[in-house]
């Protein structure tokens, strides 16, 4: 089992920045990738970014490329999502997720076995 706890959400004006954190515990040595997803009101949960735990390769959805950066601190077993130039359309609950399958489709929710409880990000115009 892997436990995930997100933090760092809040209210920010358009153009501002936030950094989300996802602290992990449990069988973290089994993790292959960690990702961030978000769900806006009335919409389906969507992929935001993912990082391969050992190699550090990162992948992003097009709408956040150049604005968001996913990173990890192996020593702290923590993943971060630095969000810059925030837009009102970035408003959502952001979820951290972890997957342990090698070669899974980490753009997709089924690849992730463990999920955090979510943290609210609100961007005002």
C-alpha atoms as a PDB file:
ATOM      1  CA  UNK A   1       0.000   0.000   0.000  1.00  0.00           C
ATOM      2  CA  UNK A   2       1.027   3.549  -0.721  1.00  0.00           C
ATOM      3  CA  UNK A   3      -0.520   6.550   1.013  1.00  0.00           C
ATOM      4  CA  UNK A   4      -0.606   9.961  -0.664  1.00  0.00           C
ATOM      5  CA  UNK A   5      -1.356  13.317   0.936  1.00  0.00           C
ATOM      6  CA  UNK A   6      -1.625  16.481  -1.155  1.00  0.00           C
ATOM      7  CA  UNK A   7      -1.122  20.022   0.102  1.00  0.00           C
ATOM      8  CA  UNK A   8      -0.526  23.500  -1.253  1.00  0.00           C
ATOM      9  CA  UNK A   9      -3.825  24.317  -2.885  1.00  0.00           C
ATOM     10  CA  UNK A  10      -5.563  27.647  -2.408  1.00  0.00           C
ATOM     11  CA  UNK A  11      -6.945  30.779  -4.005  1.00  0.00           C
ATOM     12  CA  UNK A  12      -4.747  32.775  -6.364  1.00  0.00           C
ATOM     13  CA  UNK A  13      -5.286  35.496  -8.933  1.00  0.00           C
ATOM     14  CA  UNK A  14      -4.832  34.828 -12.625  1.00  0.00           C
ATOM     15  CA  UNK A  15      -1.156  35.022 -13.534  1.00  0.00           C
ATOM     16  CA  UNK A  16      -0.093  33.878 -10.102  1.00  0.00           C
ATOM     17  CA  UNK A  17       1.673  30.723  -8.940  1.00  0.00           C
ATOM     18  CA  UNK A  18       1.116  27.827  -6.576  1.00  0.00           C
ATOM     19  CA  UNK A  19       3.150  24.774  -5.690  1.00  0.00           C
ATOM     20  CA  UNK A  20       1.366  21.556  -4.845  1.00  0.00           C
ATOM     21  CA  UNK A  21       3.063  18.835  -2.838  1.00  0.00           C
ATOM     22  CA  UNK A  22       2.259  15.145  -2.597  1.00  0.00           C
ATOM     23  CA  UNK A  23       3.848  13.338   0.315  1.00  0.00           C
ATOM     24  CA  UNK A  24       4.015   9.578   0.003  1.00  0.00           C
ATOM     25  CA  UNK A  25       4.399   6.823   2.574  1.00  0.00           C
ATOM     26  CA  UNK A  26       4.177   3.056   2.674  1.00  0.00           C
ATOM     27  CA  UNK A  27       5.626   0.825  -0.043  1.00  0.00           C
ATOM     28  CA  UNK A  28       7.092   3.687  -2.007  1.00  0.00           C
ATOM     29  CA  UNK A  29       9.922   1.555  -3.412  1.00  0.00           C
ATOM     30  CA  UNK A  30       7.329  -0.142  -5.618  1.00  0.00           C
ATOM     31  CA  UNK A  31       6.320   3.069  -7.383  1.00  0.00           C
ATOM     32  CA  UNK A  32       7.027   3.405 -11.098  1.00  0.00           C
ATOM     33  CA  UNK A  33       5.362   6.723 -11.825  1.00  0.00           C
ATOM     34  CA  UNK A  34       3.508   9.496 -10.062  1.00  0.00           C
ATOM     35  CA  UNK A  35       1.064  11.825 -11.641  1.00  0.00           C
ATOM     36  CA  UNK A  36      -1.240  14.764 -11.134  1.00  0.00           C
ATOM     37  CA  UNK A  37      -4.808  14.844 -12.354  1.00  0.00           C
ATOM     38  CA  UNK A  38      -7.474  17.503 -11.924  1.00  0.00           C
ATOM     39  CA  UNK A  39     -11.250  17.656 -11.925  1.00  0.00           C
ATOM     40  CA  UNK A  40     -13.171  20.853 -12.525  1.00  0.00           C
ATOM     41  CA  UNK A  41     -16.830  21.205 -11.486  1.00  0.00           C
ATOM     42  CA  UNK A  42     -19.079  19.317 -13.862  1.00  0.00           C
ATOM     43  CA  UNK A  43     -16.175  17.853 -15.801  1.00  0.00           C
ATOM     44  CA  UNK A  44     -14.361  14.551 -15.882  1.00  0.00           C
ATOM     45  CA  UNK A  45     -11.040  14.069 -14.159  1.00  0.00           C
ATOM     46  CA  UNK A  46      -8.202  14.773 -16.569  1.00  0.00           C
ATOM     47  CA  UNK A  47      -4.486  14.092 -16.788  1.00  0.00           C
ATOM     48  CA  UNK A  48      -2.145  16.990 -15.991  1.00  0.00           C
ATOM     49  CA  UNK A  49       1.398  15.633 -15.638  1.00  0.00           C
ATOM     50  CA  UNK A  50       3.381  12.554 -14.712  1.00  0.00           C
ATOM     51  CA  UNK A  51       6.946  11.723 -13.721  1.00  0.00           C
ATOM     52  CA  UNK A  52       8.744   8.407 -13.952  1.00  0.00           C
ATOM     53  CA  UNK A  53      10.065   7.874 -10.467  1.00  0.00           C
ATOM     54  CA  UNK A  54      13.511   6.452 -11.222  1.00  0.00           C
ATOM     55  CA  UNK A  55      14.404   8.041 -14.557  1.00  0.00           C
ATOM     56  CA  UNK A  56      12.772  11.387 -13.937  1.00  0.00           C
ATOM     57  CA  UNK A  57      11.154  11.630 -17.382  1.00  0.00           C
ATOM     58  CA  UNK A  58       8.193  13.988 -17.365  1.00  0.00           C
ATOM     59  CA  UNK A  59       5.071  14.285 -19.504  1.00  0.00           C
ATOM     60  CA  UNK A  60       2.384  16.968 -19.611  1.00  0.00           C
ATOM     61  CA  UNK A  61      -0.961  17.635 -21.115  1.00  0.00           C
ATOM     62  CA  UNK A  62      -0.745  20.306 -23.807  1.00  0.00           C
ATOM     63  CA  UNK A  63      -2.717  22.934 -21.899  1.00  0.00           C
ATOM     64  CA  UNK A  64      -0.118  23.165 -19.119  1.00  0.00           C
ATOM     65  CA  UNK A  65       3.126  22.776 -21.079  1.00  0.00           C
ATOM     66  CA  UNK A  66       5.447  25.673 -20.384  1.00  0.00           C
ATOM     67  CA  UNK A  67       3.491  26.709 -17.289  1.00  0.00           C
ATOM     68  CA  UNK A  68       3.527  23.678 -14.973  1.00  0.00           C
ATOM     69  CA  UNK A  69       6.525  21.647 -13.828  1.00  0.00           C
ATOM     70  CA  UNK A  70       6.366  18.269 -12.118  1.00  0.00           C
ATOM     71  CA  UNK A  71       9.347  17.210 -10.027  1.00  0.00           C
ATOM     72  CA  UNK A  72      10.247  14.777  -7.287  1.00  0.00           C
ATOM     73  CA  UNK A  73      12.454  14.583  -4.237  1.00  0.00           C
ATOM     74  CA  UNK A  74      13.451  10.956  -3.859  1.00  0.00           C
ATOM     75  CA  UNK A  75      14.859  11.461  -0.371  1.00  0.00           C
ATOM     76  CA  UNK A  76      11.574  12.935   0.857  1.00  0.00           C
ATOM     77  CA  UNK A  77       9.364  10.650  -1.260  1.00  0.00           C
ATOM     78  CA  UNK A  78       7.523  13.764  -2.358  1.00  0.00           C
ATOM     79  CA  UNK A  79       6.270  14.927  -5.732  1.00  0.00           C
ATOM     80  CA  UNK A  80       5.653  18.567  -6.557  1.00  0.00           C
ATOM     81  CA  UNK A  81       3.629  20.421  -9.143  1.00  0.00           C
ATOM     82  CA  UNK A  82       4.837  23.970  -9.673  1.00  0.00           C
ATOM     83  CA  UNK A  83       2.086  25.928 -11.388  1.00  0.00           C
ATOM     84  CA  UNK A  84       2.914  29.302 -12.918  1.00  0.00           C
ATOM     85  CA  UNK A  85       0.901  31.732 -15.037  1.00  0.00           C
ATOM     86  CA  UNK A  86      -2.277  30.273 -13.655  1.00  0.00           C
ATOM     87  CA  UNK A  87      -5.518  30.795 -15.549  1.00  0.00           C
ATOM     88  CA  UNK A  88      -9.141  30.656 -14.357  1.00  0.00           C
ATOM     89  CA  UNK A  89      -9.551  27.464 -16.394  1.00  0.00           C
ATOM     90  CA  UNK A  90      -6.953  25.795 -14.149  1.00  0.00           C
ATOM     91  CA  UNK A  91      -9.491  25.914 -11.321  1.00  0.00           C
ATOM     92  CA  UNK A  92     -10.090  22.345 -10.158  1.00  0.00           C
ATOM     93  CA  UNK A  93      -9.477  19.809  -7.452  1.00  0.00           C
ATOM     94  CA  UNK A  94      -5.988  18.446  -8.048  1.00  0.00           C
ATOM     95  CA  UNK A  95      -5.254  14.816  -7.241  1.00  0.00           C
ATOM     96  CA  UNK A  96      -1.927  13.082  -6.804  1.00  0.00           C
ATOM     97  CA  UNK A  97      -1.678   9.460  -7.936  1.00  0.00           C
ATOM     98  CA  UNK A  98       0.890   6.669  -7.919  1.00  0.00           C
ATOM     99  CA  UNK A  99       1.280   3.666 -10.168  1.00  0.00           C
ATOM    100  CA  UNK A 100       3.553   0.654  -9.902  1.00  0.00           C
ATOM    101  CA  UNK A 101       3.090  -1.004 -13.296  1.00  0.00           C
ATOM    102  CA  UNK A 102       6.086  -0.834 -15.581  1.00  0.00           C
ATOM    103  CA  UNK A 103       5.094   0.419 -19.011  1.00  0.00           C
ATOM    104  CA  UNK A 104       1.535   1.405 -18.159  1.00  0.00           C
ATOM    105  CA  UNK A 105      -0.275   4.206 -19.950  1.00  0.00           C
ATOM    106  CA  UNK A 106       0.418   6.878 -17.403  1.00  0.00           C
ATOM    107  CA  UNK A 107      -1.678   9.445 -19.225  1.00  0.00           C
ATOM    108  CA  UNK A 108      -4.683   7.433 -18.124  1.00  0.00           C
ATOM    109  CA  UNK A 109      -6.289   6.949 -14.699  1.00  0.00           C
ATOM    110  CA  UNK A 110      -6.372   3.114 -14.708  1.00  0.00           C
ATOM    111  CA  UNK A 111      -2.553   3.026 -14.621  1.00  0.00           C
ATOM    112  CA  UNK A 112      -2.621   4.519 -11.140  1.00  0.00           C
ATOM    113  CA  UNK A 113      -3.410   2.270  -8.186  1.00  0.00           C
ATOM    114  CA  UNK A 114      -3.203   4.849  -5.403  1.00  0.00           C
ATOM    115  CA  UNK A 115      -4.812   8.271  -5.082  1.00  0.00           C
ATOM    116  CA  UNK A 116      -4.715  11.171  -2.685  1.00  0.00           C
ATOM    117  CA  UNK A 117      -7.762  12.974  -1.356  1.00  0.00           C
ATOM    118  CA  UNK A 118      -7.304  16.037  -3.559  1.00  0.00           C
ATOM    119  CA  UNK A 119      -6.559  19.701  -2.957  1.00  0.00           C
ATOM    120  CA  UNK A 120      -8.594  22.635  -4.265  1.00  0.00           C
ATOM    121  CA  UNK A 121      -6.994  25.181  -6.577  1.00  0.00           C
ATOM    122  CA  UNK A 122      -9.055  28.252  -7.402  1.00  0.00           C
ATOM    123  CA  UNK A 123      -7.831  30.881  -9.851  1.00  0.00           C
ATOM    124  CA  UNK A 124      -9.755  34.141  -9.888  1.00  0.00           C
ATOM    125  CA  UNK A 125      -9.917  36.390 -12.945  1.00  0.00           C
END
